[in-house]
Amino acid sequence: MLDNPEATAYERNHAAWIEKVQKVVCSKSLKKAVWHNTQLITDNLIEEVEALKEQERQDIVVLGSPRLARFLLKEKLADELKLSVSPVTLGEGLHLFKDIQSNLILERSITMSNGVLGLTYKVS
């Protein structure tokens, strides 16, 4: 995307950010992380996430992985949950909060101009 002459400025900026930000990929099937600045976690997920949380870094953000987000909630490894709720009806799928024993306290909610809700919960 960085070298794509048809990419928008937003797309190029996002690609530059993704390239330089530290990433952690959790996978049971990958053998090697080929993306720049990427750490691969293949087992001992609880211990590895606890170790990441002990480091003085920025927040740990889960993008596009409801299974990982659900696992982190279930194992009480999440401190805050930020959700974007889009006005789309799917009918079925993964239940994010099924069997989750965490207490979620709504700290913030905003409605964006496109109808998407931004919700921030403190996990306790």
N, C-alpha and C. Protein backbone atom coordinates (compact mmCIF):
# COMPACT_ATOMS: atom_id res chain seq x y z
N MET A 1 0.83 -1.18 0.00
CA MET A 1 0.00 0.00 0.00
C MET A 1 0.88 1.25 0.00
N LEU A 2 2.02 1.19 0.67
CA LEU A 2 2.90 2.35 0.72
C LEU A 2 3.38 2.78 -0.66
N ASP A 3 3.57 1.80 -1.54
CA ASP A 3 4.09 2.09 -2.88
C ASP A 3 3.00 2.17 -3.94
N ASN A 4 1.74 2.02 -3.53
CA ASN A 4 0.64 2.02 -4.48
C ASN A 4 0.28 3.47 -4.85
N PRO A 5 0.51 3.87 -6.11
CA PRO A 5 0.22 5.25 -6.50
C PRO A 5 -1.28 5.58 -6.45
N GLU A 6 -2.14 4.55 -6.44
CA GLU A 6 -3.58 4.78 -6.40
C GLU A 6 -4.11 4.87 -4.97
N ALA A 7 -3.26 4.61 -3.99
CA ALA A 7 -3.69 4.66 -2.59
C ALA A 7 -3.95 6.10 -2.17
N THR A 8 -4.95 6.26 -1.32
CA THR A 8 -5.25 7.59 -0.79
C THR A 8 -4.21 7.94 0.28
N ALA A 9 -4.17 9.20 0.64
CA ALA A 9 -3.26 9.64 1.72
C ALA A 9 -3.58 8.90 3.01
N TYR A 10 -4.87 8.71 3.30
CA TYR A 10 -5.28 7.97 4.50
C TYR A 10 -4.73 6.55 4.46
N GLU A 11 -4.88 5.87 3.32
CA GLU A 11 -4.39 4.49 3.19
C GLU A 11 -2.88 4.41 3.36
N ARG A 12 -2.17 5.35 2.79
CA ARG A 12 -0.70 5.36 2.93
C ARG A 12 -0.29 5.63 4.37
N ASN A 13 -0.96 6.58 5.03
CA ASN A 13 -0.66 6.86 6.44
C ASN A 13 -0.94 5.66 7.33
N HIS A 14 -2.06 5.00 7.07
CA HIS A 14 -2.41 3.80 7.85
C HIS A 14 -1.38 2.70 7.61
N ALA A 15 -0.98 2.50 6.38
CA ALA A 15 0.02 1.47 6.05
C ALA A 15 1.36 1.79 6.72
N ALA A 16 1.73 3.05 6.77
CA ALA A 16 2.99 3.45 7.42
C ALA A 16 2.91 3.16 8.92
N TRP A 17 1.77 3.46 9.52
CA TRP A 17 1.59 3.19 10.95
C TRP A 17 1.67 1.69 11.22
N ILE A 18 0.94 0.90 10.43
CA ILE A 18 0.94 -0.56 10.61
C ILE A 18 2.35 -1.12 10.46
N GLU A 19 3.10 -0.57 9.54
CA GLU A 19 4.46 -1.06 9.30
C GLU A 19 5.37 -0.83 10.51
N LYS A 20 5.21 0.32 11.17
CA LYS A 20 6.15 0.64 12.24
C LYS A 20 5.69 0.23 13.64
N VAL A 21 4.39 0.06 13.86
CA VAL A 21 3.90 -0.27 15.20
C VAL A 21 4.30 -1.70 15.58
N GLN A 22 4.56 -1.91 16.87
CA GLN A 22 4.87 -3.25 17.37
C GLN A 22 3.58 -4.08 17.37
N LYS A 23 3.64 -5.26 16.78
CA LYS A 23 2.47 -6.13 16.68
C LYS A 23 2.75 -7.47 17.35
N VAL A 24 1.70 -8.07 17.89
CA VAL A 24 1.78 -9.41 18.44
C VAL A 24 0.67 -10.21 17.78
N VAL A 25 1.03 -11.32 17.17
CA VAL A 25 0.07 -12.19 16.51
C VAL A 25 -0.04 -13.47 17.31
N CYS A 26 -1.27 -13.85 17.65
CA CYS A 26 -1.53 -15.08 18.38
C CYS A 26 -2.10 -16.09 17.40
N SER A 27 -1.40 -17.21 17.22
CA SER A 27 -1.84 -18.18 16.22
C SER A 27 -1.37 -19.58 16.60
N LYS A 28 -2.23 -20.55 16.35
CA LYS A 28 -1.85 -21.95 16.53
C LYS A 28 -1.31 -22.55 15.24
N SER A 29 -1.54 -21.87 14.11
CA SER A 29 -1.15 -22.46 12.82
C SER A 29 0.08 -21.82 12.20
N LEU A 30 0.33 -20.55 12.47
CA LEU A 30 1.50 -19.90 11.88
C LEU A 30 2.79 -20.43 12.50
N LYS A 31 3.81 -20.55 11.68
CA LYS A 31 5.12 -21.00 12.15
C LYS A 31 6.09 -19.83 12.26
N LYS A 32 5.81 -18.76 11.53
CA LYS A 32 6.73 -17.64 11.46
C LYS A 32 5.94 -16.36 11.19
N ALA A 33 6.35 -15.28 11.84
CA ALA A 33 5.74 -13.98 11.58
C ALA A 33 6.61 -13.25 10.56
N VAL A 34 6.04 -12.91 9.42
CA VAL A 34 6.81 -12.28 8.35
C VAL A 34 6.59 -10.76 8.28
N TRP A 35 5.66 -10.25 9.06
CA TRP A 35 5.37 -8.83 9.07
C TRP A 35 6.40 -8.12 9.93
N HIS A 36 6.85 -6.95 9.51
CA HIS A 36 7.83 -6.16 10.24
C HIS A 36 7.33 -5.85 11.65
N ASN A 37 8.23 -5.90 12.65
CA ASN A 37 7.90 -5.59 14.05
C ASN A 37 6.80 -6.48 14.62
N THR A 38 6.88 -7.77 14.34
CA THR A 38 5.84 -8.68 14.78
C THR A 38 6.40 -9.80 15.64
N GLN A 39 5.77 -10.00 16.79
CA GLN A 39 6.08 -11.12 17.68
C GLN A 39 4.98 -12.15 17.50
N LEU A 40 5.35 -13.41 17.40
CA LEU A 40 4.38 -14.49 17.23
C LEU A 40 4.25 -15.27 18.52
N ILE A 41 3.01 -15.42 19.00
CA ILE A 41 2.71 -16.26 20.16
C ILE A 41 1.94 -17.48 19.65
N THR A 42 2.51 -18.66 19.88
CA THR A 42 1.87 -19.88 19.39
C THR A 42 1.35 -20.77 20.52
N ASP A 43 1.86 -20.57 21.73
CA ASP A 43 1.37 -21.34 22.88
C ASP A 43 1.60 -20.55 24.16
N ASN A 44 1.15 -21.08 25.28
CA ASN A 44 1.26 -20.39 26.58
C ASN A 44 0.69 -18.97 26.51
N LEU A 45 -0.48 -18.85 25.90
CA LEU A 45 -1.06 -17.53 25.65
C LEU A 45 -1.28 -16.73 26.93
N ILE A 46 -1.78 -17.36 27.98
CA ILE A 46 -2.04 -16.64 29.22
C ILE A 46 -0.74 -16.05 29.77
N GLU A 47 0.30 -16.86 29.85
CA GLU A 47 1.58 -16.39 30.38
C GLU A 47 2.19 -15.30 29.49
N GLU A 48 2.08 -15.48 28.18
CA GLU A 48 2.64 -14.48 27.26
C GLU A 48 1.92 -13.14 27.36
N VAL A 49 0.59 -13.17 27.48
CA VAL A 49 -0.16 -11.92 27.61
C VAL A 49 0.14 -11.27 28.96
N GLU A 50 0.23 -12.07 30.01
CA GLU A 50 0.60 -11.51 31.32
C GLU A 50 1.96 -10.83 31.24
N ALA A 51 2.91 -11.44 30.55
CA ALA A 51 4.24 -10.84 30.39
C ALA A 51 4.16 -9.54 29.60
N LEU A 52 3.33 -9.50 28.55
CA LEU A 52 3.15 -8.27 27.78
C LEU A 52 2.57 -7.16 28.66
N LYS A 53 1.61 -7.52 29.50
CA LYS A 53 0.98 -6.52 30.37
C LYS A 53 1.96 -5.97 31.41
N GLU A 54 2.96 -6.75 31.79
CA GLU A 54 3.95 -6.31 32.77
C GLU A 54 4.93 -5.30 32.18
N GLN A 55 5.09 -5.33 30.87
CA GLN A 55 6.03 -4.41 30.22
C GLN A 55 5.44 -3.01 30.21
N GLU A 56 6.28 -2.03 30.28
CA GLU A 56 5.82 -0.64 30.23
C GLU A 56 5.72 -0.22 28.78
N ARG A 57 4.58 -0.50 28.20
CA ARG A 57 4.29 -0.15 26.81
C ARG A 57 2.95 0.52 26.76
N GLN A 58 2.48 0.72 25.55
CA GLN A 58 1.13 1.25 25.38
C GLN A 58 0.12 0.12 25.55
N ASP A 59 -1.14 0.47 25.36
CA ASP A 59 -2.21 -0.51 25.51
C ASP A 59 -2.05 -1.68 24.56
N ILE A 60 -2.59 -2.81 24.97
CA ILE A 60 -2.70 -3.97 24.09
C ILE A 60 -4.07 -3.85 23.41
N VAL A 61 -4.07 -3.84 22.10
CA VAL A 61 -5.30 -3.68 21.33
C VAL A 61 -5.52 -4.92 20.49
N VAL A 62 -6.73 -5.46 20.53
CA VAL A 62 -7.08 -6.61 19.71
C VAL A 62 -7.92 -6.10 18.55
N LEU A 63 -7.43 -6.33 17.33
CA LEU A 63 -8.15 -5.90 16.14
C LEU A 63 -8.63 -7.11 15.36
N GLY A 64 -9.92 -7.19 15.11
CA GLY A 64 -10.47 -8.20 14.22
C GLY A 64 -10.37 -9.63 14.70
N SER A 65 -10.37 -9.85 16.00
CA SER A 65 -10.31 -11.22 16.51
C SER A 65 -11.24 -11.37 17.70
N PRO A 66 -12.53 -11.57 17.44
CA PRO A 66 -13.46 -11.73 18.56
C PRO A 66 -13.14 -12.94 19.43
N ARG A 67 -12.58 -14.00 18.85
CA ARG A 67 -12.22 -15.18 19.65
C ARG A 67 -11.12 -14.83 20.66
N LEU A 68 -10.12 -14.07 20.22
CA LEU A 68 -9.05 -13.67 21.14
C LEU A 68 -9.60 -12.71 22.19
N ALA A 69 -10.42 -11.75 21.79
CA ALA A 69 -11.00 -10.82 22.75
C ALA A 69 -11.82 -11.58 23.79
N ARG A 70 -12.60 -12.54 23.35
CA ARG A 70 -13.42 -13.34 24.26
C ARG A 70 -12.54 -14.14 25.22
N PHE A 71 -11.46 -14.72 24.70
CA PHE A 71 -10.52 -15.48 25.53
C PHE A 71 -9.91 -14.58 26.59
N LEU A 72 -9.47 -13.38 26.20
CA LEU A 72 -8.85 -12.45 27.15
C LEU A 72 -9.85 -12.03 28.23
N LEU A 73 -11.11 -11.82 27.86
CA LEU A 73 -12.14 -11.50 28.85
C LEU A 73 -12.36 -12.67 29.80
N LYS A 74 -12.48 -13.86 29.24
CA LYS A 74 -12.75 -15.05 30.06
C LYS A 74 -11.62 -15.32 31.05
N GLU A 75 -10.40 -15.07 30.62
CA GLU A 75 -9.23 -15.31 31.48
C GLU A 75 -8.89 -14.11 32.35
N LYS A 76 -9.76 -13.08 32.32
CA LYS A 76 -9.58 -11.87 33.12
C LYS A 76 -8.25 -11.16 32.82
N LEU A 77 -7.89 -11.12 31.55
CA LEU A 77 -6.68 -10.45 31.10
C LEU A 77 -6.98 -9.10 30.45
N ALA A 78 -8.25 -8.75 30.35
CA ALA A 78 -8.65 -7.47 29.76
C ALA A 78 -9.03 -6.49 30.86
N ASP A 79 -8.56 -5.25 30.73
CA ASP A 79 -8.87 -4.20 31.69
C ASP A 79 -9.96 -3.27 31.18
N GLU A 80 -10.03 -3.16 29.87
CA GLU A 80 -10.98 -2.25 29.24
C GLU A 80 -11.42 -2.86 27.92
N LEU A 81 -12.65 -2.62 27.56
CA LEU A 81 -13.21 -3.14 26.32
C LEU A 81 -13.80 -1.98 25.55
N LYS A 82 -13.34 -1.78 24.33
CA LYS A 82 -13.90 -0.75 23.45
C LYS A 82 -14.53 -1.47 22.27
N LEU A 83 -15.80 -1.25 22.10
CA LEU A 83 -16.55 -1.90 21.03
C LEU A 83 -17.10 -0.87 20.07
N SER A 84 -17.10 -1.22 18.80
CA SER A 84 -17.82 -0.47 17.79
C SER A 84 -18.98 -1.35 17.36
N VAL A 85 -20.17 -0.86 17.58
CA VAL A 85 -21.37 -1.62 17.23
C VAL A 85 -21.96 -1.00 15.98
N SER A 86 -21.93 -1.77 14.89
CA SER A 86 -22.43 -1.29 13.61
C SER A 86 -23.88 -1.71 13.42
N PRO A 87 -24.68 -0.87 12.77
CA PRO A 87 -26.09 -1.19 12.55
C PRO A 87 -26.28 -2.21 11.43
N VAL A 88 -25.85 -3.45 11.69
CA VAL A 88 -25.97 -4.52 10.71
C VAL A 88 -26.56 -5.74 11.42
N THR A 89 -27.48 -6.41 10.77
CA THR A 89 -28.06 -7.62 11.33
C THR A 89 -27.41 -8.82 10.68
N LEU A 90 -26.75 -9.66 11.49
CA LEU A 90 -26.08 -10.84 10.96
C LEU A 90 -26.88 -12.11 11.20
N GLY A 91 -27.59 -12.18 12.32
CA GLY A 91 -28.40 -13.35 12.60
C GLY A 91 -27.71 -14.37 13.48
N GLU A 92 -26.44 -14.64 13.24
CA GLU A 92 -25.72 -15.59 14.08
C GLU A 92 -24.24 -15.27 14.05
N GLY A 93 -23.52 -15.92 14.92
CA GLY A 93 -22.08 -15.68 15.00
C GLY A 93 -21.60 -15.93 16.41
N LEU A 94 -20.38 -15.54 16.67
CA LEU A 94 -19.76 -15.74 17.97
C LEU A 94 -20.39 -14.81 19.00
N HIS A 95 -20.76 -15.36 20.15
CA HIS A 95 -21.31 -14.58 21.25
C HIS A 95 -20.14 -14.11 22.11
N LEU A 96 -19.84 -12.83 22.05
CA LEU A 96 -18.68 -12.28 22.74
C LEU A 96 -18.75 -12.48 24.25
N PHE A 97 -19.93 -12.34 24.85
CA PHE A 97 -20.05 -12.36 26.30
C PHE A 97 -20.58 -13.67 26.87
N LYS A 98 -20.79 -14.68 26.06
CA LYS A 98 -21.32 -15.95 26.56
C LYS A 98 -20.32 -16.57 27.54
N ASP A 99 -20.81 -16.94 28.71
CA ASP A 99 -20.02 -17.58 29.77
C ASP A 99 -18.90 -16.68 30.31
N ILE A 100 -19.00 -15.39 30.13
CA ILE A 100 -18.02 -14.44 30.66
C ILE A 100 -18.51 -13.98 32.03
N GLN A 101 -17.66 -14.09 33.03
CA GLN A 101 -18.03 -13.74 34.40
C GLN A 101 -17.57 -12.35 34.81
N SER A 102 -16.97 -11.59 33.91
CA SER A 102 -16.48 -10.25 34.24
C SER A 102 -17.64 -9.28 34.42
N ASN A 103 -17.42 -8.31 35.30
CA ASN A 103 -18.38 -7.24 35.48
C ASN A 103 -17.97 -6.10 34.56
N LEU A 104 -18.84 -5.72 33.64
CA LEU A 104 -18.54 -4.65 32.69
C LEU A 104 -19.28 -3.39 33.11
N ILE A 105 -18.53 -2.30 33.24
CA ILE A 105 -19.11 -1.02 33.64
C ILE A 105 -18.97 -0.06 32.46
N LEU A 106 -20.10 0.38 31.93
CA LEU A 106 -20.08 1.31 30.81
C LEU A 106 -19.53 2.65 31.27
N GLU A 107 -18.40 3.05 30.67
CA GLU A 107 -17.77 4.32 31.03
C GLU A 107 -18.05 5.42 30.01
N ARG A 108 -18.29 5.02 28.77
CA ARG A 108 -18.49 6.02 27.73
C ARG A 108 -19.27 5.42 26.58
N SER A 109 -20.14 6.20 26.00
CA SER A 109 -20.82 5.78 24.78
C SER A 109 -20.98 7.00 23.88
N ILE A 110 -20.71 6.80 22.61
CA ILE A 110 -20.89 7.87 21.63
C ILE A 110 -21.59 7.29 20.41
N THR A 111 -22.36 8.12 19.76
CA THR A 111 -22.98 7.74 18.50
C THR A 111 -22.29 8.53 17.40
N MET A 112 -21.72 7.80 16.45
CA MET A 112 -21.01 8.45 15.35
C MET A 112 -21.99 8.83 14.25
N SER A 113 -21.57 9.68 13.35
CA SER A 113 -22.47 10.22 12.32
C SER A 113 -23.02 9.13 11.40
N ASN A 114 -22.31 7.99 11.29
CA ASN A 114 -22.78 6.90 10.43
C ASN A 114 -23.67 5.90 11.17
N GLY A 115 -24.01 6.20 12.43
CA GLY A 115 -24.89 5.32 13.20
C GLY A 115 -24.15 4.29 14.04
N VAL A 116 -22.85 4.20 13.90
CA VAL A 116 -22.06 3.25 14.69
C VAL A 116 -21.98 3.77 16.12
N LEU A 117 -22.13 2.84 17.07
CA LEU A 117 -21.98 3.18 18.48
C LEU A 117 -20.56 2.87 18.92
N GLY A 118 -19.95 3.76 19.65
CA GLY A 118 -18.65 3.51 20.27
C GLY A 118 -18.87 3.34 21.76
N LEU A 119 -18.56 2.16 22.27
CA LEU A 119 -18.81 1.85 23.68
C LEU A 119 -17.49 1.52 24.37
N THR A 120 -17.27 2.09 25.55
CA THR A 120 -16.09 1.80 26.33
C THR A 120 -16.54 1.26 27.68
N TYR A 121 -16.06 0.05 28.00
CA TYR A 121 -16.39 -0.60 29.26
C TYR A 121 -15.13 -0.80 30.08
N LYS A 122 -15.21 -0.58 31.38
CA LYS A 122 -14.17 -0.97 32.31
C LYS A 122 -14.50 -2.39 32.72
N VAL A 123 -13.48 -3.25 32.73
CA VAL A 123 -13.66 -4.65 33.11
C VAL A 123 -13.20 -4.81 34.54
N SER A 124 -14.08 -5.33 35.40
CA SER A 124 -13.68 -5.55 36.79
C SER A 124 -14.11 -6.93 37.25
